[in-house]
Amino acid sequence: MNRCISTLVALVTFLVAPLGQAGGKAENVGMVTFHLETDPAGATQKLTFTQMDDNKARYFLRTPEFMLKDIAAFCTIPSGTGEEYGLVFQLKEPAKRRLNILSIAHQGKFLLTQVNGRVVDGVWIDKQVDDGMLIVWKGITNGDIKLLDKVLPRIGAKDKAKKKKPK
């Protein structure tokens, strides 16, 4: 019995130890994710999360459709609220094709945006998107922009120096 327990402890230590090795070393910089709305009938707690919209629960896939690695560049836009900003994201070519297909197949659904772990905005998919641009209309802070500047170039920036991507 003691041998089984010690084997189990050794196995758990072997599997969990690599997860803690990078503790505090890697910066969680400029996280951006876009989540597709899903049908409530197929929503499970493991695969989806709930977001309220006008007192109506909407379900979104936990696995993002697009994330930071899919973005080529960004620029800021005024949000209209005066305190926050919006963003325009230019997608890389493979993600641009995926957005085109997604926008055809999922018209009438929302695409929810999370920036640095918080929900900031959502867009209604009402037509085909073939330009590879995703827009966040509101909810972006100066801090968010500073973090994104560390990992992404601005759209149309003359300096094409490669930004350091987080691992």
Protein backbone atom coordinates (compact mmCIF):
# COMPACT_ATOMS: atom_id res chain seq x y z
CA MET A 1 0.00 0.00 0.00
CA ASN A 2 2.80 2.44 0.92
CA ARG A 3 4.49 1.64 -2.38
CA CYS A 4 1.32 2.59 -4.30
CA ILE A 5 1.04 5.89 -2.44
CA SER A 6 4.70 6.77 -2.98
CA THR A 7 4.38 5.89 -6.67
CA LEU A 8 1.27 8.07 -6.94
CA VAL A 9 3.01 10.99 -5.19
CA ALA A 10 6.02 10.65 -7.49
CA LEU A 11 3.76 10.57 -10.57
CA VAL A 12 1.81 13.65 -9.48
CA THR A 13 5.06 15.49 -8.70
CA PHE A 14 6.44 14.57 -12.11
CA LEU A 15 3.32 15.83 -13.89
CA VAL A 16 2.75 19.01 -11.86
CA ALA A 17 6.35 20.20 -11.34
CA PRO A 18 6.85 21.55 -14.90
CA LEU A 19 3.78 23.76 -14.49
CA GLY A 20 5.37 25.70 -11.64
CA GLN A 21 8.82 26.18 -13.14
CA ALA A 22 8.01 29.36 -15.02
CA GLY A 23 6.27 30.93 -12.04
CA GLY A 24 6.76 34.68 -12.21
CA LYS A 25 9.16 34.59 -15.16
CA ALA A 26 6.80 34.91 -18.10
CA GLU A 27 4.72 38.06 -18.37
CA ASN A 28 1.06 37.75 -19.36
CA VAL A 29 1.29 40.65 -21.80
CA GLY A 30 -1.50 41.93 -23.99
CA MET A 31 -3.82 38.94 -24.02
CA VAL A 32 -6.60 39.27 -26.57
CA THR A 33 -9.17 36.57 -27.31
CA PHE A 34 -12.36 36.45 -29.40
CA HIS A 35 -15.05 33.93 -28.41
CA LEU A 36 -17.95 32.76 -30.59
CA GLU A 37 -21.50 32.58 -29.27
CA THR A 38 -22.88 29.06 -29.20
CA ASP A 39 -26.31 27.47 -29.02
CA PRO A 40 -27.62 27.25 -25.43
CA ALA A 41 -28.86 23.70 -26.07
CA GLY A 42 -25.30 22.43 -26.45
CA ALA A 43 -23.78 24.63 -23.73
CA THR A 44 -21.90 22.81 -20.99
CA GLN A 45 -20.05 24.39 -18.10
CA LYS A 46 -16.74 22.89 -19.25
CA LEU A 47 -16.95 24.15 -22.83
CA THR A 48 -18.79 27.45 -22.46
CA PHE A 49 -19.15 30.50 -20.24
CA THR A 50 -22.19 32.73 -19.77
CA GLN A 51 -22.34 36.46 -20.42
CA MET A 52 -25.45 38.53 -19.73
CA ASP A 53 -26.73 40.85 -22.47
CA ASP A 54 -29.86 42.92 -21.76
CA ASN A 55 -30.86 40.43 -19.01
CA LYS A 56 -30.51 37.54 -21.45
CA ALA A 57 -27.89 34.84 -20.92
CA ARG A 58 -25.66 34.24 -23.91
CA TYR A 59 -23.26 31.32 -24.10
CA PHE A 60 -19.76 31.59 -25.55
CA LEU A 61 -17.17 28.95 -26.29
CA ARG A 62 -14.26 28.94 -23.82
CA THR A 63 -11.83 28.11 -26.61
CA PRO A 64 -11.20 31.34 -28.53
CA GLU A 65 -11.68 31.56 -32.28
CA PHE A 66 -8.90 34.16 -32.52
CA MET A 67 -6.15 35.19 -30.12
CA LEU A 68 -2.99 37.25 -29.93
CA LYS A 69 -1.00 34.90 -32.18
CA ASP A 70 -3.55 35.50 -34.98
CA ILE A 71 -3.10 39.29 -34.94
CA ALA A 72 -0.63 41.03 -37.26
CA ALA A 73 -1.08 44.63 -36.05
CA PHE A 74 -3.52 47.00 -34.35
CA CYS A 75 -4.52 50.66 -34.09
CA THR A 76 -6.60 52.63 -31.61
CA ILE A 77 -9.88 54.39 -32.31
CA PRO A 78 -11.97 56.71 -30.10
CA SER A 79 -14.77 54.84 -28.34
CA GLY A 80 -17.18 57.72 -27.99
CA THR A 81 -17.26 57.45 -24.19
CA GLY A 82 -14.34 59.85 -23.81
CA GLU A 83 -12.43 57.73 -21.28
CA GLU A 84 -11.80 54.51 -23.12
CA TYR A 85 -10.65 53.48 -26.56
CA GLY A 86 -11.55 50.98 -29.19
CA LEU A 87 -9.15 48.90 -31.26
CA VAL A 88 -8.91 47.66 -34.81
CA PHE A 89 -7.04 44.39 -35.18
CA GLN A 90 -5.56 43.33 -38.51
CA LEU A 91 -5.44 39.54 -38.71
CA LYS A 92 -2.68 37.43 -40.23
CA GLU A 93 -3.53 35.67 -43.48
CA PRO A 94 -4.62 32.25 -42.09
CA ALA A 95 -6.80 33.93 -39.45
CA LYS A 96 -8.19 36.28 -42.10
CA ARG A 97 -9.44 33.25 -44.07
CA ARG A 98 -10.91 31.71 -40.90
CA LEU A 99 -12.74 34.96 -40.10
CA ASN A 100 -14.19 35.02 -43.61
CA ILE A 101 -15.55 31.47 -43.21
CA LEU A 102 -16.73 32.07 -39.63
CA SER A 103 -18.59 35.24 -40.62
CA ILE A 104 -20.47 33.36 -43.35
CA ALA A 105 -21.31 30.33 -41.21
CA HIS A 106 -22.28 32.14 -37.99
CA GLN A 107 -24.29 35.19 -39.05
CA GLY A 108 -26.72 36.21 -36.34
CA LYS A 109 -24.32 35.37 -33.48
CA PHE A 110 -22.00 37.44 -31.32
CA LEU A 111 -18.21 37.40 -31.25
CA LEU A 112 -17.17 38.41 -27.73
CA THR A 113 -13.82 40.10 -27.03
CA GLN A 114 -11.72 39.65 -23.91
CA VAL A 115 -8.66 41.81 -23.27
CA ASN A 116 -6.30 40.92 -20.45
CA GLY A 117 -8.88 38.54 -18.99
CA ARG A 118 -11.91 40.82 -18.94
CA VAL A 119 -14.85 41.07 -21.30
CA VAL A 120 -14.69 44.43 -23.08
CA ASP A 121 -17.04 44.23 -26.06
CA GLY A 122 -18.91 42.04 -28.46
CA VAL A 123 -19.84 42.41 -32.11
CA TRP A 124 -22.88 41.05 -33.88
CA ILE A 125 -21.96 39.05 -36.97
CA ASP A 126 -24.36 40.44 -39.55
CA LYS A 127 -22.43 39.99 -42.79
CA GLN A 128 -19.38 38.40 -44.37
CA VAL A 129 -16.07 39.85 -43.15
CA ASP A 130 -13.48 39.48 -45.89
CA ASP A 131 -11.02 42.27 -44.99
CA GLY A 132 -9.45 40.45 -42.03
CA MET A 133 -10.20 43.24 -39.56
CA LEU A 134 -11.77 42.74 -36.13
CA ILE A 135 -13.03 45.81 -34.27
CA VAL A 136 -13.44 46.33 -30.54
CA TRP A 137 -15.61 49.42 -30.17
CA LYS A 138 -15.09 50.14 -26.46
CA GLY A 139 -13.59 49.11 -23.16
CA ILE A 140 -9.87 49.47 -23.93
CA THR A 141 -7.75 51.32 -21.36
CA ASN A 142 -4.43 53.11 -21.71
CA GLY A 143 -2.88 50.22 -19.78
CA ASP A 144 -4.21 47.72 -22.32
CA ILE A 145 -2.73 49.75 -25.17
CA LYS A 146 0.67 49.94 -23.45
CA LEU A 147 0.71 46.16 -23.02
CA LEU A 148 -0.30 45.56 -26.63
CA ASP A 149 2.42 47.95 -27.81
CA LYS A 150 4.95 45.58 -26.24
CA VAL A 151 3.90 42.65 -28.42
CA LEU A 152 2.23 44.01 -31.57
CA PRO A 153 3.11 46.66 -34.14
CA ARG A 154 0.68 49.43 -35.01
CA ILE A 155 -1.13 49.23 -38.35
CA GLY A 156 0.83 51.21 -40.90
CA ALA A 157 3.82 51.79 -38.62
CA LYS A 158 6.97 52.63 -40.58
CA ASP A 159 9.21 50.88 -38.06
CA LYS A 160 8.72 47.20 -38.82
CA ALA A 161 10.93 46.08 -35.94
CA LYS A 162 9.69 42.72 -34.74
CA LYS A 163 8.01 42.89 -31.36
CA LYS A 164 8.82 40.28 -28.75
CA LYS A 165 5.96 37.80 -28.47
CA PRO A 166 5.11 36.21 -25.11
CA LYS A 167 5.70 32.47 -24.90
